[in-house]
Amino acid sequence: MVVLVVVVGWRMTGGTSPVQADITFTIALDTNHQVGSVYEVRFIPLTMLIDDEGVVRGTKVGAFRSKDELMGWLEGLISAESTPPLSGVAPRIGHVAPEFSLPTLDGGTVELSQLRGKWVLVTFWTTRCYYCVIQQPYLQAAYEERGQQIEFIGVNLGESEATVRRHIGG
């Protein structure tokens, strides 16, 4: 009997630690996974784009591999024709995104309802997730380019404030 094992994945060679980025967009702390549970986060990184009316317009499971890939994803969703929201609240495309209120690293609070009227990119991540960390420079670059039109929020799942601060150098 011959067993063939194929491993598919994305790996950076060289044995170095994941890329670090100076993150200046909002980092929110979901230390108890409450928002992660409501948003049904099963795999990370998970990124969602919520439109100016609070409707989930797109989701991406897995890391963006370049700034161009991220920007193309954003542009495709923003330029697509909007449709009326589906009934009910669910973290699925076409539904109104569930409300959340989370503490931020800067000592404030981010509330989704306060961001109505603006597009919002929410990405769920941890410092232990290699691919979450790899995509952070691309998120930062997209924020620098589109941060006036789109609010960027990185929701860290289950880690302490000290761990997140150590990771982003803040």
Foldseek 3Di string as FASTA:
>chain_A
DDDDDDDDDDDDDDPDAADADQDDAWEFEAQPCPLVVQQVPDAPFKKWKAALQQATQDIDGFADQALVSVVVVVVVSVPDDDDAADPDEHNDGRHGDDWDWTATLVGHIDIPVVRRRAMEMETEDESPDRRNRNRRVSVRVVCVVCVVRYRYYYYYYNDDSVRVCVRNVD
